[in-house]
Amino acid sequence: MTQPTPGDLLDAAASTTGASILAGGVWKAASTLVPQFYVLAQSVAAARFLGPRGMGVQSFIAFAEFAVVTLVASGFSVALMRYIGETLGRGQPEALRLLIRWAWRVLGAGALAGGGILTGVGAAGANPGTAWLLAAVAATVGILHTVPSAVLIGAQRWRAASIVGLVTGTIATAATIAVLWLGGGIVGMFAVEAATAVLNLLWTGAYARRALPAVAAISPSPLALRRDVLRYALVASATSLLTFVVWRRSELFFLKRYSTDDEIAFYSVAFASVVALTAIPVGLSAVITPAIATLFGAGADARIRTAYSRGLRLLLFLGLPLTAAALALGPTALRLVYGNSYRASGAVLLILLAPFPLIPIVQFARAFMTGLARLRAGFVMNAFAAVVNVALDFVLIPGRGAVGAAVANSTAQVIAGIPVLIYMARHLEGVHWRAQALARNIVAAGASGLIAWGFVRLIGGAGGLVAGLAAGTLAFAALGHALRVLPADDAAWLEEAVGTRAGGKVGRAVRFFGGPR
């Protein structure tokens, strides 16, 4: 990888185009989607080797580790990533090196605190204690990893930011399955995770050093920039806490207290499946924040407004048929993959899928809010939803287990999501939904989902699942083409941006679904 020059980075706003965002989205989607297959493979292996109870224990330790990393580092990481993008958009790359050194010191202290929390839990007698200590190592390294990761994302170096996880994930998945097969159990799984975290930090750090601008740091230190990052990080951290409650598996804490390890496993399996389904649309959304921060720094307001409306429409174009397929095929797929012991996860999955078409577009809107430094509004919206979420957890989980957790989480996501869409529509002075094309997409997706479900019910088993997937795909292709579910201007934009990819096949696919120009 060649090191960027100041001239390259000074033109950051001009190089932030639809094609660059889509290319970054492909890399981000790959780095989000492919690891879901890794998670699926590890999850299935854990389900088979550990059983529902053992998998519930493992899921809770992993959740606790994720919670610590998220709560300690996510707010600061978002702030760092955003201000790197804005600083490049303003043509001030020389301010970054001292900012990154300062970030290492701040998150170094956070890493010691986060690792200490999990170490304390293990030392206090939580079982298996060795697994908690290894989770502490993984969390400590994971918190440090957010610094080089934020550098790459803020500079929109999506290929470098993605390739490390894709490679190490392959190695870790094979190692985890081998460890479980050899009888390493829960402790072996976390040993593999800790080793992978160290490798990720070293490799991503090397890429990040090359991505920094090849200019000397300014002197004196950019104190104003540090204050902006710190102020933003404080709000972002508070928002991350609320986001954790509403959009993550916070229900596992309540399931651990009021239910059983089996119910934790049922909920974890269903929740992980929904996360996997959102990987592509959420991956495309994730590239937006640094891009919007860069455009914001350059004052390109008109481009921001156009990008927002188009992004919402394209995410719904993808999300509606994906929702229909998941509702039709999901419960059967879970039962076949995980076994009859996890049959209860099917009902949980259907409940978690209820707000699914909303999730990708809300995450997209939240990414815009972050890029535009509108975190306070997001904090207020998430605060109300988090209160509702926790209240429902107390009411529903004690008697209903995983099903109650799913109802609580889905309700909170709707309550948190709709105000975000309303706020952004007002802030950007309206959204162009192309209602007729959206309605046609709903018809095509709904009909194809019913056809897929009919084949599953008629044939049953693995054969019904394969037949349903094939029939539903063909039905959506036929109906999507006949009804022209992709708005004409979006089809034209997509074709211009990425139509030549894959030997022109992308362009032909766009024209197949696009309305007349």
Protein backbone atom coordinates (compact mmCIF):
# COMPACT_ATOMS: atom_id res chain seq x y z
CA MET A 1 0.00 0.00 0.00
CA THR A 2 1.42 3.37 -0.95
CA GLN A 3 1.41 6.15 1.57
CA PRO A 4 -0.98 9.03 0.77
CA THR A 5 0.44 12.44 0.06
CA PRO A 6 -0.93 15.72 1.40
CA GLY A 7 -2.31 16.54 -2.04
CA ASP A 8 -4.32 13.34 -2.11
CA LEU A 9 -5.89 14.06 1.23
CA LEU A 10 -6.54 17.73 0.57
CA ASP A 11 -8.89 16.61 -2.21
CA ALA A 12 -10.79 14.29 0.12
CA ALA A 13 -14.19 15.90 -0.49
CA ALA A 14 -13.86 15.78 -4.28
CA SER A 15 -12.90 12.10 -4.14
CA THR A 16 -15.90 11.29 -1.93
CA THR A 17 -18.32 10.28 -4.68
CA GLY A 18 -21.19 7.85 -5.12
CA ALA A 19 -18.84 5.33 -6.69
CA SER A 20 -16.31 5.63 -3.85
CA ILE A 21 -19.03 5.24 -1.23
CA LEU A 22 -20.48 2.19 -2.99
CA ALA A 23 -17.02 0.66 -3.36
CA GLY A 24 -16.39 1.27 0.32
CA GLY A 25 -19.84 -0.15 1.04
CA VAL A 26 -18.97 -3.35 -0.78
CA TRP A 27 -15.82 -3.78 1.31
CA LYS A 28 -17.66 -2.89 4.51
CA ALA A 29 -20.55 -5.20 3.66
CA ALA A 30 -18.08 -7.99 2.95
CA SER A 31 -16.28 -7.35 6.24
CA THR A 32 -19.66 -7.46 8.01
CA LEU A 33 -21.37 -10.25 6.07
CA VAL A 34 -18.51 -12.75 5.74
CA PRO A 35 -17.79 -12.71 9.49
CA GLN A 36 -21.45 -13.59 10.01
CA PHE A 37 -20.71 -16.87 8.26
CA TYR A 38 -17.76 -17.26 10.61
CA VAL A 39 -20.08 -16.59 13.56
CA LEU A 40 -22.63 -19.01 12.13
CA ALA A 41 -20.05 -21.77 11.76
CA GLN A 42 -18.71 -21.20 15.27
CA SER A 43 -22.23 -20.93 16.66
CA VAL A 44 -23.34 -24.19 15.07
CA ALA A 45 -20.19 -25.93 16.34
CA ALA A 46 -20.75 -24.53 19.84
CA ALA A 47 -24.41 -25.57 19.72
CA ARG A 48 -23.49 -29.12 18.78
CA PHE A 49 -20.51 -29.55 21.12
CA LEU A 50 -21.68 -27.51 24.13
CA GLY A 51 -25.46 -27.99 24.05
CA PRO A 52 -28.01 -25.24 24.83
CA ARG A 53 -26.83 -24.74 28.42
CA GLY A 54 -23.12 -24.54 27.58
CA MET A 55 -23.83 -22.31 24.62
CA GLY A 56 -25.86 -20.03 26.89
CA VAL A 57 -22.87 -19.65 29.22
CA GLN A 58 -20.50 -18.97 26.34
CA SER A 59 -22.93 -16.45 24.80
CA PHE A 60 -23.21 -14.53 28.05
CA ILE A 61 -19.43 -14.25 28.54
CA ALA A 62 -19.04 -13.12 24.92
CA PHE A 63 -21.84 -10.61 25.42
CA ALA A 64 -20.19 -9.25 28.58
CA GLU A 65 -16.92 -8.83 26.68
CA PHE A 66 -18.70 -7.06 23.81
CA ALA A 67 -20.51 -4.83 26.31
CA VAL A 68 -17.26 -3.72 27.93
CA VAL A 69 -15.58 -2.93 24.60
CA THR A 70 -18.65 -1.06 23.39
CA LEU A 71 -19.19 1.00 26.50
CA VAL A 72 -15.52 1.91 26.96
CA ALA A 73 -14.46 2.55 23.37
CA SER A 74 -17.35 3.01 20.97
CA GLY A 75 -18.12 6.67 21.73
CA PHE A 76 -14.50 7.77 21.51
CA SER A 77 -13.97 5.67 18.40
CA VAL A 78 -16.92 7.30 16.63
CA ALA A 79 -15.71 10.76 17.60
CA LEU A 80 -12.17 10.04 16.42
CA MET A 81 -13.36 8.58 13.12
CA ARG A 82 -15.72 11.47 12.47
CA TYR A 83 -13.17 14.22 13.16
CA ILE A 84 -10.55 12.51 11.06
CA GLY A 85 -13.01 12.65 8.16
CA GLU A 86 -13.97 16.28 8.81
CA THR A 87 -10.34 17.36 9.24
CA LEU A 88 -9.43 15.81 5.90
CA GLY A 89 -12.48 17.44 4.30
CA ARG A 90 -11.26 20.82 5.54
CA GLY A 91 -7.82 20.21 4.05
CA GLN A 92 -5.91 20.02 7.37
CA PRO A 93 -4.22 16.59 7.35
CA GLU A 94 -1.22 17.90 9.27
CA ALA A 95 -3.34 18.02 12.46
CA LEU A 96 -3.87 14.26 12.62
CA ARG A 97 -0.66 12.71 13.91
CA LEU A 98 -0.68 14.33 17.34
CA LEU A 99 -4.41 13.65 17.58
CA ILE A 100 -3.80 9.93 17.04
CA ARG A 101 -1.01 9.83 19.64
CA TRP A 102 -3.37 11.43 22.16
CA ALA A 103 -6.07 8.90 21.26
CA TRP A 104 -3.71 6.02 22.00
CA ARG A 105 -3.12 7.38 25.51
CA VAL A 106 -6.82 7.89 26.21
CA LEU A 107 -7.93 4.48 25.01
CA GLY A 108 -4.90 2.83 26.60
CA ALA A 109 -6.29 3.88 29.97
CA GLY A 110 -9.74 2.71 28.90
CA ALA A 111 -8.35 -0.67 27.84
CA LEU A 112 -6.83 -1.24 31.29
CA ALA A 113 -10.14 -0.33 32.93
CA GLY A 114 -12.23 -2.52 30.62
CA GLY A 115 -9.95 -5.52 30.96
CA GLY A 116 -9.89 -5.03 34.71
CA ILE A 117 -13.68 -5.27 34.92
CA LEU A 118 -13.77 -8.71 33.27
CA THR A 119 -10.74 -9.87 35.23
CA GLY A 120 -12.54 -8.90 38.41
CA VAL A 121 -15.63 -10.89 37.40
CA GLY A 122 -13.49 -13.97 36.78
CA ALA A 123 -11.54 -13.51 40.01
CA ALA A 124 -14.81 -13.15 41.94
CA GLY A 125 -15.75 -16.72 41.08
CA ALA A 126 -17.68 -16.57 37.80
CA ASN A 127 -17.37 -19.85 35.92
CA PRO A 128 -15.42 -20.83 33.99
CA GLY A 129 -12.90 -18.41 35.49
CA THR A 130 -10.21 -18.96 32.86
CA ALA A 131 -12.68 -18.07 30.11
CA TRP A 132 -13.45 -14.76 31.84
CA LEU A 133 -9.73 -13.96 32.09
CA LEU A 134 -9.20 -14.71 28.40
CA ALA A 135 -12.23 -12.57 27.58
CA ALA A 136 -10.53 -9.78 29.56
CA VAL A 137 -7.44 -10.09 27.36
CA ALA A 138 -9.57 -9.99 24.20
CA ALA A 139 -11.49 -6.95 25.48
CA THR A 140 -8.30 -5.06 26.39
CA VAL A 141 -6.81 -5.61 22.96
CA GLY A 142 -10.16 -4.93 21.29
CA ILE A 143 -10.41 -1.51 22.92
CA LEU A 144 -6.92 -0.62 21.69
CA HIS A 145 -7.85 -1.87 18.22
CA THR A 146 -10.44 0.90 17.88
CA VAL A 147 -7.68 3.51 17.37
CA PRO A 148 -6.13 2.16 14.14
CA SER A 149 -9.58 1.07 12.98
CA ALA A 150 -10.91 4.63 13.41
CA VAL A 151 -7.94 5.97 11.42
CA LEU A 152 -8.66 3.70 8.47
CA ILE A 153 -12.40 4.35 8.52
CA GLY A 154 -12.03 8.10 8.96
CA ALA A 155 -9.68 8.19 5.96
CA GLN A 156 -12.15 5.93 4.07
CA ARG A 157 -9.53 3.21 3.62
CA TRP A 158 -12.21 0.53 3.49
CA ARG A 159 -10.17 -2.17 1.79
CA ALA A 160 -7.45 -2.05 4.43
CA ALA A 161 -9.99 -1.81 7.24
CA SER A 162 -11.83 -4.89 5.97
CA ILE A 163 -9.17 -7.28 4.76
CA VAL A 164 -7.61 -7.89 8.18
CA GLY A 165 -10.82 -9.15 9.73
CA LEU A 166 -11.67 -11.27 6.72
CA VAL A 167 -8.34 -13.11 6.84
CA THR A 168 -8.04 -13.51 10.60
CA GLY A 169 -11.69 -14.50 10.84
CA THR A 170 -11.09 -17.44 8.53
CA ILE A 171 -8.17 -18.60 10.66
CA ALA A 172 -10.08 -18.09 13.92
CA THR A 173 -13.14 -19.99 12.69
CA ALA A 174 -11.11 -23.04 11.70
CA ALA A 175 -9.18 -22.89 14.98
CA THR A 176 -12.36 -22.55 17.07
CA ILE A 177 -14.03 -25.55 15.43
CA ALA A 178 -10.84 -27.60 15.87
CA VAL A 179 -10.59 -26.61 19.55
CA LEU A 180 -14.21 -27.58 20.19
CA TRP A 181 -13.75 -30.90 18.38
CA LEU A 182 -10.70 -31.63 20.52
CA GLY A 183 -12.66 -30.93 23.70
CA GLY A 184 -11.33 -27.44 24.49
CA GLY A 185 -14.82 -26.22 25.34
CA ILE A 186 -15.63 -22.65 26.34
CA VAL A 187 -12.09 -21.87 27.53
CA GLY A 188 -10.63 -22.98 24.21
CA MET A 189 -13.01 -20.71 22.29
CA PHE A 190 -11.91 -17.64 24.24
CA ALA A 191 -8.24 -18.58 23.93
CA VAL A 192 -8.62 -18.49 20.15
CA GLU A 193 -10.46 -15.16 20.37
CA ALA A 194 -7.74 -13.55 22.49
CA ALA A 195 -5.00 -14.64 20.09
CA THR A 196 -6.99 -13.37 17.11
CA ALA A 197 -7.52 -9.99 18.80
CA VAL A 198 -3.75 -9.53 19.22
CA LEU A 199 -3.14 -10.37 15.55
CA ASN A 200 -5.86 -7.94 14.46
CA LEU A 201 -4.35 -5.12 16.49
CA LEU A 202 -0.84 -5.59 15.09
CA TRP A 203 -1.99 -5.91 11.49
CA THR A 204 -4.52 -3.06 11.55
CA GLY A 205 -1.98 -0.84 13.30
CA ALA A 206 0.48 -1.39 10.46
CA TYR A 207 -2.14 -0.37 7.88
CA ALA A 208 -3.14 2.69 9.93
CA ARG A 209 0.43 3.99 10.11
CA ARG A 210 0.62 3.89 6.31
CA ALA A 211 -2.76 5.63 5.95
CA LEU A 212 -1.75 8.70 7.98
CA PRO A 213 -0.78 11.74 5.89
CA ALA A 214 2.89 11.99 5.01
CA VAL A 215 3.34 15.39 6.65
CA ALA A 216 4.83 16.51 9.90
CA ALA A 217 2.57 17.05 12.88
CA ILE A 218 1.81 20.68 13.64
CA SER A 219 3.24 22.33 16.71
CA PRO A 220 1.87 23.27 19.12
CA SER A 221 -0.55 20.39 19.64
CA PRO A 222 -4.05 20.93 18.11
CA LEU A 223 -5.79 21.51 21.45
CA ALA A 224 -9.00 22.83 19.88
CA LEU A 225 -9.35 19.67 17.83
CA ARG A 226 -8.78 17.52 20.91
CA ARG A 227 -11.47 19.44 22.80
CA ASP A 228 -13.91 18.93 19.92
CA VAL A 229 -13.17 15.21 19.82
CA LEU A 230 -13.48 14.84 23.59
CA ARG A 231 -16.72 16.81 23.75
CA TYR A 232 -18.16 14.76 20.91
CA ALA A 233 -16.91 11.52 22.50
CA LEU A 234 -18.71 12.26 25.77
CA VAL A 235 -22.04 12.65 24.00
CA ALA A 236 -21.28 9.70 21.72
CA SER A 237 -20.44 7.50 24.71
CA ALA A 238 -23.72 8.33 26.40
CA THR A 239 -25.53 7.65 23.15
CA SER A 240 -23.62 4.38 22.75
CA LEU A 241 -24.85 3.28 26.15
CA LEU A 242 -28.45 3.85 25.07
CA THR A 243 -27.78 2.29 21.68
CA PHE A 244 -26.42 -0.74 23.47
CA VAL A 245 -29.69 -1.13 25.36
CA VAL A 246 -31.94 -0.73 22.32
CA TRP A 247 -29.95 -2.15 19.41
CA ARG A 248 -27.74 -4.79 21.06
CA ARG A 249 -28.42 -7.91 23.12
CA SER A 250 -28.90 -6.12 26.45
CA GLU A 251 -31.75 -8.55 27.12
CA LEU A 252 -29.12 -11.17 27.94
CA PHE A 253 -28.52 -9.49 31.31
CA PHE A 254 -32.21 -9.93 32.16
CA LEU A 255 -32.32 -13.46 30.79
CA LYS A 256 -29.34 -14.34 32.97
CA ARG A 257 -31.12 -12.94 36.03
CA TYR A 258 -34.70 -14.08 35.42
CA SER A 259 -34.51 -17.05 33.06
CA THR A 260 -32.23 -19.96 32.09
CA ASP A 261 -29.07 -20.51 30.07
CA ASP A 262 -31.19 -22.38 27.51
CA GLU A 263 -33.31 -19.25 26.93
CA ILE A 264 -30.11 -17.21 26.49
CA ALA A 265 -29.04 -19.65 23.78
CA PHE A 266 -32.45 -19.47 22.01
CA TYR A 267 -32.38 -15.67 22.00
CA SER A 268 -28.71 -15.49 20.96
CA VAL A 269 -29.27 -17.78 17.97
CA ALA A 270 -32.24 -15.73 16.72
CA PHE A 271 -30.59 -12.37 17.38
CA ALA A 272 -27.39 -13.41 15.61
CA SER A 273 -29.46 -14.47 12.59
CA VAL A 274 -31.08 -11.03 12.37
CA VAL A 275 -27.66 -9.37 12.65
CA ALA A 276 -26.43 -11.54 9.77
CA LEU A 277 -29.41 -10.55 7.63
CA THR A 278 -28.70 -6.86 8.17
CA ALA A 279 -25.01 -7.23 7.35
CA ILE A 280 -25.23 -6.02 3.74
CA PRO A 281 -27.55 -3.00 4.20
CA VAL A 282 -25.92 -1.98 7.48
CA GLY A 283 -22.48 -2.44 5.93
CA LEU A 284 -23.45 -0.06 3.14
CA SER A 285 -24.72 2.40 5.75
CA ALA A 286 -21.53 2.20 7.82
CA VAL A 287 -19.40 3.86 5.15
CA ILE A 288 -21.64 6.91 5.25
CA THR A 289 -20.45 8.56 8.47
CA PRO A 290 -16.87 9.45 7.43
CA ALA A 291 -18.06 10.33 3.92
CA ILE A 292 -20.72 12.69 5.27
CA ALA A 293 -18.25 14.16 7.78
CA THR A 294 -15.89 14.87 4.89
CA LEU A 295 -18.66 16.50 2.82
CA PHE A 296 -19.80 18.42 5.90
CA GLY A 297 -16.29 19.76 6.41
CA ALA A 298 -16.25 20.86 2.76
CA GLY A 299 -19.71 22.51 3.02
CA ALA A 300 -21.30 20.27 0.35
CA ASP A 301 -24.87 20.46 1.75
CA ALA A 302 -26.69 19.76 -1.52
CA ARG A 303 -24.78 16.53 -2.06
CA ILE A 304 -25.63 15.43 1.48
CA ARG A 305 -29.37 15.96 0.94
CA THR A 306 -29.37 14.05 -2.33
CA ALA A 307 -27.35 11.18 -0.89
CA TYR A 308 -29.75 10.78 2.02
CA SER A 309 -32.92 10.33 -0.04
CA ARG A 310 -31.25 8.02 -2.55
CA GLY A 311 -29.67 5.90 0.18
CA LEU A 312 -33.01 5.34 1.92
CA ARG A 313 -34.65 4.23 -1.31
CA LEU A 314 -31.87 1.83 -2.24
CA LEU A 315 -31.82 0.28 1.23
CA LEU A 316 -35.56 -0.35 1.03
CA PHE A 317 -35.08 -1.86 -2.42
CA LEU A 318 -32.75 -4.41 -0.78
CA GLY A 319 -34.42 -4.68 2.59
CA LEU A 320 -38.02 -5.48 1.62
CA PRO A 321 -37.35 -8.73 -0.31
CA LEU A 322 -34.78 -9.73 2.31
CA THR A 323 -37.41 -9.33 5.02
CA ALA A 324 -39.93 -11.41 3.10
CA ALA A 325 -37.39 -14.20 2.56
CA ALA A 326 -36.34 -14.21 6.22
CA LEU A 327 -39.93 -14.44 7.46
CA ALA A 328 -40.71 -17.27 5.04
CA LEU A 329 -37.56 -19.35 5.47
CA GLY A 330 -35.93 -18.31 8.76
CA PRO A 331 -37.55 -20.63 11.34
CA THR A 332 -37.07 -23.71 9.16
CA ALA A 333 -33.45 -22.76 8.45
CA LEU A 334 -32.67 -22.38 12.17
CA ARG A 335 -34.19 -25.75 13.00
CA LEU A 336 -32.23 -27.50 10.25
CA VAL A 337 -28.90 -25.83 11.03
CA TYR A 338 -28.96 -25.91 14.83
CA GLY A 339 -31.09 -28.99 15.43
CA ASN A 340 -34.45 -29.60 17.09
CA SER A 341 -33.01 -28.58 20.47
CA TYR A 342 -33.14 -24.97 19.19
CA ARG A 343 -36.64 -25.16 17.70
CA ALA A 344 -37.82 -22.43 20.09
CA SER A 345 -35.51 -19.94 18.35
CA GLY A 346 -37.87 -19.88 15.35
CA ALA A 347 -40.63 -18.01 17.17
CA VAL A 348 -38.07 -15.60 18.64
CA LEU A 349 -36.70 -14.93 15.15
CA LEU A 350 -40.14 -14.02 13.75
CA ILE A 351 -40.66 -11.46 16.52
CA LEU A 352 -37.21 -9.92 16.01
CA LEU A 353 -37.90 -9.66 12.27
CA ALA A 354 -41.04 -7.55 12.83
CA PRO A 355 -39.17 -4.21 12.63
CA PHE A 356 -36.61 -5.53 10.14
CA PRO A 357 -37.38 -3.29 7.13
CA LEU A 358 -36.93 -0.34 9.48
CA ILE A 359 -33.54 -1.34 10.87
CA PRO A 360 -31.32 -0.67 7.80
CA ILE A 361 -32.81 2.75 7.03
CA VAL A 362 -32.69 3.82 10.68
CA GLN A 363 -29.02 2.82 10.91
CA PHE A 364 -28.44 4.77 7.70
CA ALA A 365 -30.15 7.85 9.18
CA ARG A 366 -28.17 7.47 12.41
CA ALA A 367 -24.95 7.35 10.37
CA PHE A 368 -25.93 10.68 8.78
CA MET A 369 -26.67 12.17 12.19
CA THR A 370 -23.23 11.12 13.39
CA GLY A 371 -21.53 12.55 10.32
CA LEU A 372 -23.42 15.83 10.76
CA ALA A 373 -22.59 15.98 14.50
CA ARG A 374 -26.26 15.67 15.50
CA LEU A 375 -25.69 13.34 18.43
CA ARG A 376 -27.72 15.22 21.04
CA ALA A 377 -30.97 14.65 19.16
CA GLY A 378 -30.10 10.97 18.82
CA PHE A 379 -29.36 10.80 22.54
CA VAL A 380 -32.82 12.08 23.48
CA MET A 381 -34.55 9.63 21.12
CA ASN A 382 -32.54 6.66 22.32
CA ALA A 383 -33.02 7.64 25.97
CA PHE A 384 -36.78 7.33 25.72
CA ALA A 385 -36.56 4.05 23.80
CA ALA A 386 -34.07 2.64 26.34
CA VAL A 387 -36.44 3.39 29.22
CA VAL A 388 -39.24 1.58 27.39
CA ASN A 389 -36.90 -1.31 26.54
CA VAL A 390 -35.77 -1.84 30.14
CA ALA A 391 -39.32 -1.53 31.48
CA LEU A 392 -40.53 -4.18 29.03
CA ASP A 393 -37.57 -6.40 29.93
CA PHE A 394 -38.62 -6.34 33.58
CA VAL A 395 -42.25 -7.07 32.70
CA LEU A 396 -41.89 -9.66 29.91
CA ILE A 397 -38.70 -11.67 30.46
CA PRO A 398 -39.41 -13.26 33.89
CA GLY A 399 -42.43 -15.20 32.62
CA ARG A 400 -41.73 -15.51 28.91
CA GLY A 401 -37.97 -15.87 28.56
CA ALA A 402 -36.55 -15.40 25.06
CA VAL A 403 -39.94 -14.59 23.53
CA GLY A 404 -40.47 -11.76 26.03
CA ALA A 405 -36.95 -10.48 25.33
CA ALA A 406 -37.68 -10.41 21.60
CA VAL A 407 -40.94 -8.48 22.08
CA ALA A 408 -39.19 -5.93 24.31
CA ASN A 409 -36.31 -5.42 21.88
CA SER A 410 -38.46 -5.15 18.75
CA THR A 411 -40.80 -2.65 20.40
CA ALA A 412 -37.89 -0.49 21.54
CA GLN A 413 -36.30 -0.48 18.09
CA VAL A 414 -39.50 0.85 16.53
CA ILE A 415 -39.83 3.51 19.22
CA ALA A 416 -36.18 4.54 18.74
CA GLY A 417 -36.20 4.38 14.94
CA ILE A 418 -39.23 6.33 13.77
CA PRO A 419 -38.27 9.63 15.50
CA VAL A 420 -34.82 9.41 13.88
CA LEU A 421 -36.39 9.26 10.41
CA ILE A 422 -38.74 12.15 11.20
CA TYR A 423 -35.90 14.27 12.59
CA MET A 424 -33.63 13.72 9.60
CA ALA A 425 -36.44 14.42 7.14
CA ARG A 426 -37.02 17.79 8.82
CA HIS A 427 -33.33 18.59 9.19
CA LEU A 428 -32.64 17.92 5.51
CA GLU A 429 -35.87 19.60 4.40
CA GLY A 430 -37.73 16.52 3.21
CA VAL A 431 -37.13 13.06 1.76
CA HIS A 432 -38.05 11.94 -1.76
CA TRP A 433 -39.40 8.40 -1.23
CA ARG A 434 -40.71 7.68 -4.77
CA ALA A 435 -43.88 6.24 -3.22
CA GLN A 436 -45.14 4.43 -6.32
CA ALA A 437 -41.92 2.44 -6.80
CA LEU A 438 -41.88 1.70 -3.05
CA ALA A 439 -45.44 0.34 -3.20
CA ARG A 440 -44.54 -1.85 -6.18
CA ASN A 441 -41.55 -3.21 -4.27
CA ILE A 442 -43.77 -4.08 -1.29
CA VAL A 443 -46.11 -6.02 -3.59
CA ALA A 444 -43.26 -7.91 -5.28
CA ALA A 445 -41.51 -8.73 -2.00
CA GLY A 446 -44.71 -9.81 -0.26
CA ALA A 447 -45.82 -12.07 -3.10
CA SER A 448 -42.40 -13.71 -3.43
CA GLY A 449 -42.27 -14.30 0.32
CA LEU A 450 -45.66 -16.03 0.27
CA ILE A 451 -44.54 -18.24 -2.60
CA ALA A 452 -41.36 -19.21 -0.73
CA TRP A 453 -43.35 -19.96 2.44
CA GLY A 454 -45.79 -22.12 0.46
CA PHE A 455 -42.99 -24.33 -0.87
CA VAL A 456 -41.54 -24.73 2.62
CA ARG A 457 -44.91 -25.77 4.02
CA LEU A 458 -45.68 -28.07 1.10
CA ILE A 459 -42.38 -29.94 0.86
CA GLY A 460 -40.84 -29.47 4.31
CA GLY A 461 -37.29 -30.12 5.50
CA ALA A 462 -34.13 -29.19 3.63
CA GLY A 463 -35.79 -29.83 0.26
CA GLY A 464 -38.57 -27.39 1.08
CA LEU A 465 -36.06 -24.78 2.20
CA VAL A 466 -34.07 -25.01 -1.03
CA ALA A 467 -37.21 -25.07 -3.18
CA GLY A 468 -38.69 -22.12 -1.28
CA LEU A 469 -35.51 -20.06 -1.67
CA ALA A 470 -35.34 -20.80 -5.40
CA ALA A 471 -39.04 -20.16 -6.02
CA GLY A 472 -39.05 -16.94 -3.98
CA THR A 473 -35.96 -15.62 -5.77
CA LEU A 474 -37.40 -16.34 -9.20
CA ALA A 475 -40.73 -14.82 -8.22
CA PHE A 476 -39.14 -11.59 -7.01
CA ALA A 477 -36.98 -11.38 -10.13
CA ALA A 478 -40.04 -11.75 -12.36
CA LEU A 479 -42.27 -9.41 -10.38
CA GLY A 480 -39.48 -6.91 -9.77
CA HIS A 481 -38.83 -6.69 -13.50
CA ALA A 482 -42.50 -6.50 -14.44
CA LEU A 483 -43.31 -3.87 -11.80
CA ARG A 484 -40.04 -1.91 -12.19
CA VAL A 485 -39.43 -1.72 -8.44
CA LEU A 486 -36.27 0.42 -8.71
CA PRO A 487 -36.93 4.14 -9.40
CA ALA A 488 -35.62 5.27 -12.79
CA ASP A 489 -33.27 7.97 -11.47
CA ASP A 490 -31.79 5.59 -8.88
CA ALA A 491 -31.26 2.96 -11.56
CA ALA A 492 -29.49 5.52 -13.74
CA TRP A 493 -27.29 6.65 -10.84
CA LEU A 494 -26.38 3.07 -9.93
CA GLU A 495 -25.59 2.18 -13.51
CA GLU A 496 -23.31 5.20 -13.86
CA ALA A 497 -21.58 4.53 -10.52
CA VAL A 498 -21.01 0.77 -10.67
CA GLY A 499 -22.61 -0.50 -13.86
CA THR A 500 -19.32 -1.61 -15.40
CA ARG A 501 -18.41 -3.86 -12.47
CA ALA A 502 -18.28 -7.64 -12.97
CA GLY A 503 -18.04 -7.32 -16.72
CA GLY A 504 -21.17 -5.17 -16.94
CA LYS A 505 -23.37 -7.66 -15.07
CA VAL A 506 -24.13 -5.11 -12.37
CA GLY A 507 -25.36 -2.67 -14.97
CA ARG A 508 -27.60 -5.30 -16.56
CA ALA A 509 -29.06 -6.19 -13.15
CA VAL A 510 -29.79 -2.53 -12.47
CA ARG A 511 -31.53 -2.11 -15.84
CA PHE A 512 -33.51 -5.31 -15.20
CA PHE A 513 -35.23 -3.84 -12.12
CA GLY A 514 -35.12 -0.15 -13.07
CA GLY A 515 -38.08 1.86 -14.24
CA PRO A 516 -38.15 3.60 -17.64
CA ARG A 517 -36.05 6.75 -17.88
